[in-house]
Amino acid sequence: MEDNNMEESEQKLEIEVAPALITVHPAQESVSVAVGSNLRVFNLKDGCGVKLIDENGGHKDSIRAIRYSKSGHLLVSAGDDKLVKIWGTNSWRCVHSVVSEKRVSALAISNDGMFVCFADKFGVVYVVDIGGDYDFENAAVAKKKAFPILSHYCSIITRLEFSPDGRYIVSADRDFKIRVTLFPKKPENGAHEIHSFCLGHTEFVSCLAFVSSKDYPNGFLVSGSGDSTVRLWDYASGSLLDTCDVGAEAGNLHSNGKQEDILSAVTDLCATSDGSLVAVAIQSLPGIMLLKCKLYSRTLSVAKVVHVAGETFIPTSLGASSSVPLLWMVMGASSSNIHDFESLARVRVVSGFTTTNDSESLVSEKLVLADKEVPGGEPLLQALQGKLTIGKEAFVMAAEAVQTSMRNLLIKKQYSAERREFRKRGRNDKKNQTID
């Protein structure tokens, strides 16, 4: 009876809520939002929502990662249904569907569009050779085989990124590690050469972004974490260059004895094309924080906190194109267990997300656009949000649920010896061995 009670309480604690995600076409020709199993796309060139074509009916469970290729010719989505779907952005047809052994937690696309990499919740990174993204409209729908290339050994991988020059694939996990691996010429044979580790975070690493410019083409790495810091790295050597305590700067460190109130996790990062400005989404911060990134001096500093007036808006994901000075934000969540905010999403846009300098004047011009000023206007919001007006209470509930779910998923739990034995007995592989 005691074991049953423990199991029920643990299941309630570990209800997983999927945060809403956003990604923007490199030339801002389209914007995509994922909420639960729904993948919503708005075509800004044609001014209308997109109907995705998939012979297999799309995703069946929560989407955990979405990404455009550097050329914008393809969009990739993956998630809890163990599927990686590759879409051509001209026809919006699913041209490849890849089956993963486990639920997918992160993905990345090589700069040349030749390879899609994805990671599962057991810490294994796989590669799929898609042959480039130049002829997707004429490609036959096919199931591609994925090959394992590296592993973090049973640690959930939270983010994957390719370096600006394409030489390295960088992977982050819940065990505070950032691994820089040389991406091989023949990935199907595995990626065995670890170039460096970036170690210094004291909680799970939640997000990564590269900052680069013409003067610094290989750039540097920026990471966000559950320890409420954003850190700047020389990823080639693994050296920590600077640390910005964004939680303290945002006024979010106020302890009442509960761990959740002590640290506000960084949930996402997005950098301008020249690497001079980094937008930071922080749990419990109603808006975003903008950081100045000075590549020549290798420093990070807070430039401004941009609040969203009139509503509770705590972004769960950020996105930007490489050519338009707009920062796209989405707040939302989906859970089959909590129907009050299933498939909820709210999209907001910040203007002036572009080159900055030492003057505060450029930073002070950043503002949140009104809905009618957002590119695509009401049709875009209708397509990406599902509806135009959403109650304040639903946003508050969604923000709290996402925060709790993220900590339950990524904060490593400590179990007693008895509890560990009980969990082992309940594992599916152990059950199968008993049956055999």
Protein backbone atom coordinates (compact mmCIF):
# COMPACT_ATOMS: atom_id res chain seq x y z
CA MET A 1 0.00 0.00 0.00
CA GLU A 2 2.84 2.36 0.85
CA ASP A 3 4.49 1.69 -2.51
CA ASN A 4 1.22 2.46 -4.29
CA ASN A 5 0.90 5.76 -2.46
CA MET A 6 4.47 6.66 -3.34
CA GLU A 7 3.88 5.81 -6.98
CA GLU A 8 0.67 7.87 -7.20
CA SER A 9 2.27 10.93 -5.58
CA GLU A 10 5.29 10.64 -7.88
CA GLN A 11 3.08 10.43 -10.97
CA LYS A 12 1.24 13.56 -9.91
CA LEU A 13 4.52 15.37 -9.33
CA GLU A 14 5.94 14.31 -12.69
CA ILE A 15 3.06 15.39 -14.93
CA GLU A 16 4.87 16.79 -17.92
CA VAL A 17 3.68 20.02 -19.46
CA ALA A 18 5.00 20.86 -22.92
CA PRO A 19 5.95 24.55 -23.34
CA ALA A 20 4.94 26.38 -26.50
CA LEU A 21 7.83 26.79 -28.98
CA ILE A 22 8.48 29.31 -31.74
CA THR A 23 10.90 29.43 -34.68
CA VAL A 24 11.29 31.99 -37.46
CA HIS A 25 12.32 31.49 -41.09
CA PRO A 26 15.81 32.98 -41.67
CA ALA A 27 14.33 35.62 -44.02
CA GLN A 28 11.11 35.88 -41.94
CA GLU A 29 9.05 34.39 -44.76
CA SER A 30 7.13 32.31 -42.24
CA VAL A 31 6.74 31.78 -38.49
CA SER A 32 6.04 28.44 -36.82
CA VAL A 33 4.63 27.70 -33.37
CA ALA A 34 4.34 24.28 -31.71
CA VAL A 35 1.86 23.75 -28.87
CA GLY A 36 1.41 20.19 -27.71
CA SER A 37 1.09 18.04 -30.82
CA ASN A 38 -0.07 21.00 -32.93
CA LEU A 39 2.40 22.51 -35.42
CA ARG A 40 1.06 25.85 -36.64
CA VAL A 41 2.67 27.78 -39.51
CA PHE A 42 1.87 31.21 -40.92
CA ASN A 43 3.19 32.19 -44.35
CA LEU A 44 4.09 35.89 -44.18
CA LYS A 45 4.72 36.10 -47.94
CA ASP A 46 1.16 35.03 -48.75
CA GLY A 47 -0.41 36.44 -45.59
CA CYS A 48 -2.20 33.24 -44.62
CA GLY A 49 -1.98 30.18 -42.41
CA VAL A 50 -0.38 27.03 -43.79
CA LYS A 51 -2.03 23.62 -44.11
CA LEU A 52 0.64 21.02 -43.51
CA ILE A 53 0.51 17.91 -45.68
CA ASP A 54 1.45 14.64 -44.01
CA GLU A 55 0.27 11.21 -45.17
CA ASN A 56 0.76 9.89 -41.63
CA GLY A 57 -1.35 12.57 -39.95
CA GLY A 58 1.27 14.71 -38.22
CA HIS A 59 2.55 14.45 -34.66
CA LYS A 60 0.64 12.35 -32.13
CA ASP A 61 2.19 13.74 -28.94
CA SER A 62 3.85 16.88 -27.63
CA ILE A 63 6.44 18.52 -29.89
CA ARG A 64 9.65 19.30 -27.99
CA ALA A 65 11.82 20.93 -30.69
CA ILE A 66 11.27 22.82 -33.97
CA ARG A 67 13.90 24.35 -36.22
CA TYR A 68 14.30 25.91 -39.69
CA SER A 69 17.36 25.07 -41.75
CA LYS A 70 19.84 27.86 -42.41
CA SER A 71 18.61 28.18 -46.00
CA GLY A 72 14.96 28.13 -44.91
CA HIS A 73 14.15 25.32 -47.35
CA LEU A 74 13.09 22.93 -44.59
CA LEU A 75 11.46 22.87 -41.18
CA VAL A 76 12.09 20.03 -38.71
CA SER A 77 9.89 19.06 -35.76
CA ALA A 78 10.28 16.31 -33.17
CA GLY A 79 8.92 15.26 -29.81
CA ASP A 80 7.34 12.79 -27.44
CA ASP A 81 5.81 10.62 -30.18
CA LYS A 82 9.37 9.49 -31.07
CA LEU A 83 9.06 11.01 -34.54
CA VAL A 84 11.30 13.48 -36.34
CA LYS A 85 9.42 15.09 -39.23
CA ILE A 86 11.13 17.03 -42.01
CA TRP A 87 8.95 19.46 -43.96
CA GLY A 88 9.68 21.21 -47.26
CA THR A 89 8.81 24.89 -46.85
CA ASN A 90 7.65 25.44 -50.44
CA SER A 91 4.96 22.78 -50.50
CA TRP A 92 4.71 22.34 -46.69
CA ARG A 93 4.72 18.61 -47.23
CA CYS A 94 6.35 16.12 -44.84
CA VAL A 95 9.10 14.71 -47.03
CA HIS A 96 10.89 12.54 -44.46
CA SER A 97 9.72 10.87 -41.25
CA VAL A 98 12.34 9.43 -38.90
CA VAL A 99 11.50 7.06 -36.05
CA SER A 100 13.44 7.44 -32.80
CA GLU A 101 13.80 4.69 -30.20
CA LYS A 102 13.03 7.14 -27.38
CA ARG A 103 11.28 10.47 -26.98
CA VAL A 104 13.15 13.32 -28.67
CA SER A 105 14.34 16.23 -26.53
CA ALA A 106 16.44 18.38 -28.92
CA LEU A 107 17.43 18.74 -32.57
CA ALA A 108 19.79 20.65 -34.87
CA ILE A 109 20.35 20.97 -38.61
CA SER A 110 23.83 21.20 -40.11
CA ASN A 111 24.65 24.52 -41.76
CA ASP A 112 24.78 22.93 -45.22
CA GLY A 113 21.41 21.24 -44.74
CA MET A 114 22.91 17.77 -45.28
CA PHE A 115 22.25 16.35 -41.81
CA VAL A 116 19.58 16.46 -39.12
CA CYS A 117 20.73 15.57 -35.62
CA PHE A 118 18.40 14.80 -32.74
CA ALA A 119 18.78 13.69 -29.14
CA ASP A 120 16.60 11.46 -27.02
CA LYS A 121 15.83 11.52 -23.31
CA PHE A 122 18.42 8.81 -22.62
CA GLY A 123 21.22 11.08 -23.78
CA VAL A 124 21.94 9.59 -27.20
CA VAL A 125 22.45 11.86 -30.23
CA TYR A 126 21.53 10.51 -33.66
CA VAL A 127 22.26 11.75 -37.17
CA VAL A 128 20.14 11.43 -40.31
CA ASP A 129 21.67 12.00 -43.75
CA ILE A 130 19.00 13.84 -45.75
CA GLY A 131 21.27 14.67 -48.69
CA GLY A 132 20.78 18.43 -48.59
CA ASP A 133 17.66 20.62 -48.62
CA TYR A 134 17.87 21.85 -52.22
CA ASP A 135 15.46 19.40 -53.90
CA PHE A 136 12.87 18.72 -51.24
CA GLU A 137 9.85 19.53 -53.35
CA ASN A 138 10.68 16.67 -55.74
CA ALA A 139 11.71 14.20 -53.08
CA ALA A 140 9.60 11.12 -52.45
CA VAL A 141 8.23 10.70 -48.93
CA ALA A 142 10.56 8.27 -47.22
CA LYS A 143 11.51 6.88 -43.86
CA LYS A 144 15.16 7.65 -43.12
CA LYS A 145 17.41 5.65 -40.83
CA ALA A 146 19.09 7.39 -37.92
CA PHE A 147 22.60 6.45 -36.71
CA PRO A 148 23.86 7.13 -33.15
CA ILE A 149 26.92 9.38 -33.15
CA LEU A 150 27.53 10.30 -29.50
CA SER A 151 26.08 9.91 -26.03
CA HIS A 152 25.85 11.73 -22.70
CA TYR A 153 25.20 8.46 -20.91
CA CYS A 154 21.66 8.55 -19.47
CA SER A 155 21.52 12.32 -19.04
CA ILE A 156 18.70 14.20 -20.77
CA ILE A 157 20.12 16.33 -23.58
CA THR A 158 18.41 19.70 -23.52
CA ARG A 159 19.86 21.47 -26.57
CA LEU A 160 21.90 20.82 -29.72
CA GLU A 161 23.63 23.46 -31.87
CA PHE A 162 26.10 23.49 -34.75
CA SER A 163 28.97 25.98 -34.52
CA PRO A 164 28.99 28.88 -37.04
CA ASP A 165 31.67 27.17 -39.16
CA GLY A 166 29.90 23.81 -38.97
CA ARG A 167 32.95 22.03 -37.55
CA TYR A 168 31.44 21.22 -34.16
CA ILE A 169 28.18 20.00 -32.73
CA VAL A 170 27.54 21.27 -29.21
CA SER A 171 25.29 19.37 -26.82
CA ALA A 172 24.02 20.42 -23.37
CA ASP A 173 22.44 18.28 -20.69
CA ARG A 174 20.69 18.32 -17.33
CA ASP A 175 23.92 17.33 -15.54
CA PHE A 176 25.35 20.84 -16.01
CA LYS A 177 27.60 19.81 -18.93
CA ILE A 178 28.20 21.38 -22.33
CA ARG A 179 30.14 19.12 -24.70
CA VAL A 180 31.84 20.33 -27.88
CA THR A 181 32.33 17.48 -30.35
CA LEU A 182 34.07 17.52 -33.73
CA PHE A 183 31.40 16.73 -36.32
CA PRO A 184 32.92 13.99 -38.53
CA LYS A 185 33.05 13.88 -42.31
CA LYS A 186 31.26 10.51 -42.16
CA PRO A 187 28.78 10.97 -39.30
CA GLU A 188 27.26 7.50 -39.71
CA ASN A 189 30.53 6.13 -38.29
CA GLY A 190 30.09 8.12 -35.10
CA ALA A 191 31.52 11.32 -33.60
CA HIS A 192 34.31 10.13 -31.34
CA GLU A 193 36.51 13.21 -30.97
CA ILE A 194 35.50 15.40 -28.02
CA HIS A 195 37.10 18.80 -28.58
CA SER A 196 36.28 20.40 -25.20
CA PHE A 197 33.85 20.65 -22.29
CA CYS A 198 32.37 23.92 -21.03
CA LEU A 199 31.91 23.32 -17.31
CA GLY A 200 30.73 25.82 -14.71
CA HIS A 201 26.95 25.79 -14.47
CA THR A 202 25.57 24.50 -11.17
CA GLU A 203 22.16 23.41 -12.51
CA PHE A 204 20.83 21.94 -15.75
CA VAL A 205 21.82 23.74 -18.97
CA SER A 206 18.56 24.72 -20.67
CA CYS A 207 19.60 26.60 -23.82
CA LEU A 208 22.51 27.51 -26.10
CA ALA A 209 23.19 30.18 -28.71
CA PHE A 210 26.21 31.22 -30.75
CA VAL A 211 27.25 34.87 -31.00
CA SER A 212 29.43 35.82 -33.96
CA SER A 213 30.25 38.76 -36.23
CA LYS A 214 32.38 39.63 -39.28
CA ASP A 215 35.33 40.32 -36.99
CA TYR A 216 34.71 37.11 -35.02
CA PRO A 217 33.29 34.63 -37.59
CA ASN A 218 33.74 31.57 -35.38
CA GLY A 219 32.18 33.45 -32.48
CA PHE A 220 31.58 32.39 -28.92
CA LEU A 221 28.97 30.29 -27.14
CA VAL A 222 26.28 31.60 -24.80
CA SER A 223 24.44 29.27 -22.43
CA GLY A 224 21.48 29.62 -20.06
CA SER A 225 20.79 27.44 -17.06
CA GLY A 226 18.56 26.51 -14.18
CA ASP A 227 21.15 28.25 -11.97
CA SER A 228 19.72 31.57 -13.21
CA THR A 229 22.88 32.60 -15.05
CA VAL A 230 23.87 33.25 -18.65
CA ARG A 231 27.49 32.40 -19.41
CA LEU A 232 29.83 33.29 -22.26
CA TRP A 233 32.33 30.65 -23.41
CA ASP A 234 35.32 30.24 -25.67
CA TYR A 235 33.97 26.88 -26.81
CA ALA A 236 37.18 25.97 -28.66
CA SER A 237 39.11 25.81 -25.38
CA GLY A 238 36.18 25.34 -22.98
CA SER A 239 37.13 28.53 -21.12
CA LEU A 240 34.50 30.51 -19.24
CA LEU A 241 34.79 34.16 -20.31
CA ASP A 242 31.99 35.88 -18.37
CA THR A 243 28.94 35.18 -16.23
CA CYS A 244 25.79 37.29 -15.93
CA ASP A 245 23.52 36.54 -12.97
CA VAL A 246 20.29 37.38 -14.77
CA GLY A 247 18.05 36.16 -11.97
CA ALA A 248 19.54 38.62 -9.52
CA GLU A 249 19.50 41.43 -12.07
CA ALA A 250 15.83 40.81 -12.81
CA GLY A 251 14.96 40.94 -9.13
CA ASN A 252 13.86 37.32 -9.12
CA LEU A 253 15.91 36.09 -6.18
CA HIS A 254 13.52 36.24 -3.26
CA SER A 255 13.54 33.23 -1.03
CA ASN A 256 10.71 32.22 1.28
CA GLY A 257 12.31 28.89 2.01
CA LYS A 258 11.17 27.12 -1.14
CA GLN A 259 13.76 26.08 -3.69
CA GLU A 260 11.53 27.14 -6.58
CA ASP A 261 11.68 30.74 -5.39
CA ILE A 262 15.46 30.81 -5.06
CA LEU A 263 16.45 30.22 -8.67
CA SER A 264 14.55 31.28 -11.77
CA ALA A 265 15.66 29.14 -14.69
CA VAL A 266 16.69 30.65 -18.00
CA THR A 267 14.32 29.03 -20.50
CA ASP A 268 15.61 30.35 -23.84
CA LEU A 269 18.19 32.57 -25.57
CA CYS A 270 18.19 34.35 -28.91
CA ALA A 271 21.04 36.44 -30.36
CA THR A 272 21.11 39.10 -33.06
CA SER A 273 22.88 38.21 -36.31
CA ASP A 274 25.94 40.26 -35.33
CA GLY A 275 26.07 38.80 -31.81
CA SER A 276 25.90 42.17 -30.08
CA LEU A 277 22.59 41.58 -28.31
CA VAL A 278 21.18 38.50 -26.58
CA ALA A 279 17.53 38.19 -25.54
CA VAL A 280 16.92 36.08 -22.44
CA ALA A 281 13.66 34.46 -21.30
CA ILE A 282 13.56 33.80 -17.57
CA GLN A 283 10.92 31.93 -15.60
CA SER A 284 8.76 34.34 -13.58
CA LEU A 285 9.98 37.39 -15.55
CA PRO A 286 7.02 38.99 -17.38
CA GLY A 287 8.99 40.01 -20.47
CA ILE A 288 12.57 39.54 -21.59
CA MET A 289 16.01 40.68 -20.55
CA LEU A 290 18.40 42.09 -23.16
CA LEU A 291 22.13 41.53 -22.66
CA LYS A 292 24.92 43.41 -24.39
CA CYS A 293 27.55 41.04 -25.71
CA LYS A 294 30.87 42.70 -26.48
CA LEU A 295 32.83 40.18 -28.49
CA TYR A 296 36.05 42.21 -28.48
CA SER A 297 36.15 42.37 -24.68
CA ARG A 298 34.38 39.01 -24.20
CA THR A 299 31.82 40.37 -21.73
CA LEU A 300 28.09 40.15 -21.02
CA SER A 301 26.10 42.88 -19.29
CA VAL A 302 22.44 43.71 -18.77
CA ALA A 303 21.18 46.34 -21.21
CA LYS A 304 17.48 46.47 -20.44
CA VAL A 305 14.49 44.54 -19.15
CA VAL A 306 11.57 44.79 -21.58
CA HIS A 307 8.24 44.27 -19.84
CA VAL A 308 4.99 43.36 -21.56
CA ALA A 309 2.42 45.78 -20.18
CA GLY A 310 -1.21 44.89 -19.63
CA GLU A 311 -0.94 41.11 -19.36
CA THR A 312 0.95 38.30 -17.71
CA PHE A 313 3.37 37.28 -20.45
CA ILE A 314 6.29 35.02 -19.51
CA PRO A 315 7.89 33.71 -22.72
CA THR A 316 8.53 30.00 -23.06
CA SER A 317 10.44 30.34 -26.35
CA LEU A 318 12.16 33.01 -28.47
CA GLY A 319 12.96 33.30 -32.17
CA ALA A 320 14.31 35.76 -34.73
CA SER A 321 15.28 35.85 -38.39
CA SER A 322 18.78 36.76 -39.52
CA SER A 323 17.58 39.66 -41.67
CA VAL A 324 14.67 41.41 -39.90
CA PRO A 325 15.18 43.29 -36.57
CA LEU A 326 12.25 41.68 -34.75
CA LEU A 327 12.27 39.31 -31.78
CA TRP A 328 9.37 36.86 -31.75
CA MET A 329 8.17 35.45 -28.43
CA VAL A 330 5.58 32.86 -27.49
CA MET A 331 4.09 31.95 -24.15
CA GLY A 332 2.02 28.84 -23.71
CA ALA A 333 1.74 25.23 -22.74
CA SER A 334 -0.15 22.05 -23.44
CA SER A 335 -0.94 19.02 -21.35
CA SER A 336 -3.46 16.25 -21.75
CA ASN A 337 -3.77 16.25 -17.95
CA ILE A 338 -4.66 19.92 -17.59
CA HIS A 339 -7.45 20.82 -19.98
CA ASP A 340 -7.79 24.42 -18.85
CA PHE A 341 -4.83 25.51 -20.95
CA GLU A 342 -4.45 22.73 -23.49
CA SER A 343 -2.93 24.13 -26.71
CA LEU A 344 -2.74 27.64 -25.24
CA ALA A 345 -0.35 30.07 -26.96
CA ARG A 346 0.21 33.84 -27.03
CA VAL A 347 2.57 35.48 -29.54
CA ARG A 348 4.23 38.86 -28.99
CA VAL A 349 6.91 40.72 -30.97
CA VAL A 350 9.63 43.16 -29.86
CA SER A 351 10.96 45.68 -32.38
CA GLY A 352 14.52 47.01 -32.69
CA PHE A 353 16.21 43.65 -32.12
CA THR A 354 19.28 44.61 -34.08
CA THR A 355 22.82 45.97 -33.89
CA THR A 356 23.58 47.89 -30.73
CA ASN A 357 26.56 49.93 -29.55
CA ASP A 358 27.83 51.45 -26.33
CA SER A 359 25.10 54.08 -26.38
CA GLU A 360 21.92 53.39 -24.42
CA SER A 361 19.79 55.15 -27.04
CA LEU A 362 19.38 52.12 -29.29
CA VAL A 363 18.49 49.86 -26.41
CA SER A 364 15.90 52.30 -25.08
CA GLU A 365 14.02 52.15 -28.38
CA LYS A 366 13.03 48.51 -27.93
CA LEU A 367 9.29 48.12 -27.49
CA VAL A 368 6.64 45.46 -27.64
CA LEU A 369 4.44 45.80 -30.71
CA ALA A 370 0.68 46.02 -30.40
CA ASP A 371 -1.21 43.13 -32.00
CA LYS A 372 -2.20 45.25 -35.00
CA GLU A 373 1.45 46.16 -35.59
CA VAL A 374 2.68 42.55 -35.67
CA PRO A 375 3.60 41.37 -39.20
CA GLY A 376 0.63 39.42 -40.48
CA GLY A 377 -1.67 41.12 -37.96
CA GLU A 378 -4.79 39.35 -36.69
CA PRO A 379 -4.65 36.52 -39.29
CA LEU A 380 -1.19 35.56 -38.02
CA LEU A 381 -2.24 35.68 -34.38
CA GLN A 382 -5.36 33.64 -35.15
CA ALA A 383 -3.30 31.01 -36.96
CA LEU A 384 -0.50 30.72 -34.39
CA GLN A 385 -2.45 31.24 -31.17
CA GLY A 386 -5.61 29.38 -32.08
CA LYS A 387 -7.71 32.35 -30.95
CA LEU A 388 -7.19 36.09 -30.49
CA THR A 389 -8.30 36.57 -26.87
CA ILE A 390 -7.14 34.40 -23.99
CA GLY A 391 -8.03 34.85 -20.33
CA LYS A 392 -5.43 36.14 -17.88
CA GLU A 393 -6.01 33.24 -15.48
CA ALA A 394 -5.09 30.72 -18.17
CA PHE A 395 -1.72 32.42 -18.73
CA VAL A 396 -0.93 32.42 -15.02
CA MET A 397 -1.81 28.73 -14.76
CA ALA A 398 0.27 27.91 -17.83
CA ALA A 399 3.33 29.79 -16.51
CA GLU A 400 3.18 28.00 -13.16
CA ALA A 401 2.67 24.59 -14.77
CA VAL A 402 5.59 25.04 -17.19
CA GLN A 403 7.89 26.14 -14.37
CA THR A 404 6.97 23.17 -12.18
CA SER A 405 7.20 20.72 -15.06
CA MET A 406 10.62 21.98 -16.16
CA ARG A 407 12.08 21.62 -12.68
CA ASN A 408 10.52 18.17 -12.18
CA LEU A 409 11.97 17.02 -15.50
CA LEU A 410 15.45 18.52 -15.28
CA ILE A 411 16.35 18.81 -11.59
CA LYS A 412 17.96 15.54 -10.60
CA LYS A 413 15.95 13.81 -7.87
CA GLN A 414 17.48 12.26 -4.77
CA TYR A 415 16.00 8.92 -3.71
CA SER A 416 16.49 6.74 -0.68
CA ALA A 417 17.82 3.21 -1.15
CA GLU A 418 14.31 1.81 -0.65
CA ARG A 419 12.84 4.16 -3.23
CA ARG A 420 15.54 3.28 -5.78
CA GLU A 421 14.75 -0.42 -5.39
CA PHE A 422 11.04 0.27 -5.83
CA ARG A 423 11.66 2.27 -9.01
CA LYS A 424 13.88 -0.51 -10.40
CA ARG A 425 11.10 -3.05 -9.89
CA GLY A 426 8.75 -0.86 -11.90
CA ARG A 427 11.02 -0.43 -14.92
CA ASN A 428 9.66 -1.94 -18.13
CA ASP A 429 12.90 -3.72 -19.00
CA LYS A 430 12.92 -5.39 -15.56
CA LYS A 431 9.28 -6.44 -15.99
CA ASN A 432 10.11 -8.02 -19.37
CA GLN A 433 13.00 -9.97 -17.85
CA THR A 434 10.69 -11.27 -15.10
CA ILE A 435 8.14 -12.41 -17.68
CA ASP A 436 10.79 -14.19 -19.73
